[in-house]
């Protein structure tokens, strides 16, 4: 028996599969952009750590 609800589920599954399958591959510019983002994040983390160490040193010097 055909149930309209089952047809809807099949339609949604087919559309979802089509969307996932049709995603374009990452190009070299997008890969480079992600690499730059990661480098900036790591640099920011290191700067934050350095700032924390400086703050701790100043706090220790005040004691």
C-alpha atoms as a PDB file:
ATOM      1  CA  UNK A   1       0.000   0.000   0.000  1.00  0.00           C
ATOM      2  CA  UNK A   2       1.137   3.479  -0.790  1.00  0.00           C
ATOM      3  CA  UNK A   3       0.916   5.869   2.089  1.00  0.00           C
ATOM      4  CA  UNK A   4       1.385   9.571   1.192  1.00  0.00           C
ATOM      5  CA  UNK A   5       3.510  10.001   4.297  1.00  0.00           C
ATOM      6  CA  UNK A   6       5.950   7.331   3.062  1.00  0.00           C
ATOM      7  CA  UNK A   7       6.194   9.164  -0.247  1.00  0.00           C
ATOM      8  CA  UNK A   8       7.095  12.341   1.595  1.00  0.00           C
ATOM      9  CA  UNK A   9       9.845  10.549   3.510  1.00  0.00           C
ATOM     10  CA  UNK A  10      11.271   9.117   0.303  1.00  0.00           C
ATOM     11  CA  UNK A  11      11.165  12.552  -1.334  1.00  0.00           C
ATOM     12  CA  UNK A  12      12.964  14.181   1.606  1.00  0.00           C
ATOM     13  CA  UNK A  13      15.617  11.447   1.592  1.00  0.00           C
ATOM     14  CA  UNK A  14      16.209  11.832  -2.156  1.00  0.00           C
ATOM     15  CA  UNK A  15      16.480  15.626  -1.891  1.00  0.00           C
ATOM     16  CA  UNK A  16      18.891  15.380   1.048  1.00  0.00           C
ATOM     17  CA  UNK A  17      21.042  12.873  -0.811  1.00  0.00           C
ATOM     18  CA  UNK A  18      21.072  15.072  -3.910  1.00  0.00           C
ATOM     19  CA  UNK A  19      22.136  18.115  -1.902  1.00  0.00           C
ATOM     20  CA  UNK A  20      24.962  16.237  -0.202  1.00  0.00           C
ATOM     21  CA  UNK A  21      26.128  14.597  -3.425  1.00  0.00           C
ATOM     22  CA  UNK A  22      26.186  17.877  -5.352  1.00  0.00           C
ATOM     23  CA  UNK A  23      28.408  19.816  -2.972  1.00  0.00           C
ATOM     24  CA  UNK A  24      31.377  21.227  -4.889  1.00  0.00           C
ATOM     25  CA  UNK A  25      34.844  20.098  -3.913  1.00  0.00           C
ATOM     26  CA  UNK A  26      37.023  22.538  -2.031  1.00  0.00           C
ATOM     27  CA  UNK A  27      39.274  24.473  -4.318  1.00  0.00           C
ATOM     28  CA  UNK A  28      42.804  25.620  -3.574  1.00  0.00           C
ATOM     29  CA  UNK A  29      41.638  29.090  -2.529  1.00  0.00           C
ATOM     30  CA  UNK A  30      39.209  27.669   0.019  1.00  0.00           C
ATOM     31  CA  UNK A  31      41.904  25.360   1.397  1.00  0.00           C
ATOM     32  CA  UNK A  32      44.311  28.286   1.660  1.00  0.00           C
ATOM     33  CA  UNK A  33      41.635  30.347   3.397  1.00  0.00           C
ATOM     34  CA  UNK A  34      41.091  27.624   5.966  1.00  0.00           C
ATOM     35  CA  UNK A  35      44.843  27.376   6.528  1.00  0.00           C
ATOM     36  CA  UNK A  36      45.041  31.137   7.098  1.00  0.00           C
ATOM     37  CA  UNK A  37      42.097  30.963   9.513  1.00  0.00           C
ATOM     38  CA  UNK A  38      43.756  28.162  11.465  1.00  0.00           C
ATOM     39  CA  UNK A  39      47.078  30.019  11.589  1.00  0.00           C
ATOM     40  CA  UNK A  40      45.382  33.180  12.813  1.00  0.00           C
ATOM     41  CA  UNK A  41      43.534  31.216  15.492  1.00  0.00           C
ATOM     42  CA  UNK A  42      46.741  29.579  16.703  1.00  0.00           C
ATOM     43  CA  UNK A  43      48.566  32.917  16.726  1.00  0.00           C
ATOM     44  CA  UNK A  44      45.734  34.473  18.706  1.00  0.00           C
ATOM     45  CA  UNK A  45      45.883  31.656  21.235  1.00  0.00           C
ATOM     46  CA  UNK A  46      49.635  32.127  21.653  1.00  0.00           C
ATOM     47  CA  UNK A  47      49.256  35.874  22.086  1.00  0.00           C
ATOM     48  CA  UNK A  48      46.579  35.300  24.709  1.00  0.00           C
ATOM     49  CA  UNK A  49      48.847  32.880  26.584  1.00  0.00           C
ATOM     50  CA  UNK A  50      51.684  35.396  26.458  1.00  0.00           C
ATOM     51  CA  UNK A  51      49.376  38.105  27.785  1.00  0.00           C
ATOM     52  CA  UNK A  52      48.336  35.861  30.656  1.00  0.00           C
ATOM     53  CA  UNK A  53      51.972  35.174  31.524  1.00  0.00           C
ATOM     54  CA  UNK A  54      52.769  38.897  31.491  1.00  0.00           C
ATOM     55  CA  UNK A  55      49.779  39.615  33.711  1.00  0.00           C
ATOM     56  CA  UNK A  56      50.861  36.891  36.140  1.00  0.00           C
ATOM     57  CA  UNK A  57      54.395  38.286  36.214  1.00  0.00           C
ATOM     58  CA  UNK A  58      53.109  41.786  36.954  1.00  0.00           C
ATOM     59  CA  UNK A  59      50.848  40.454  39.690  1.00  0.00           C
ATOM     60  CA  UNK A  60      53.770  38.563  41.231  1.00  0.00           C
ATOM     61  CA  UNK A  61      55.969  41.676  41.041  1.00  0.00           C
ATOM     62  CA  UNK A  62      53.341  43.698  42.932  1.00  0.00           C
ATOM     63  CA  UNK A  63      53.470  41.301  45.889  1.00  0.00           C
END
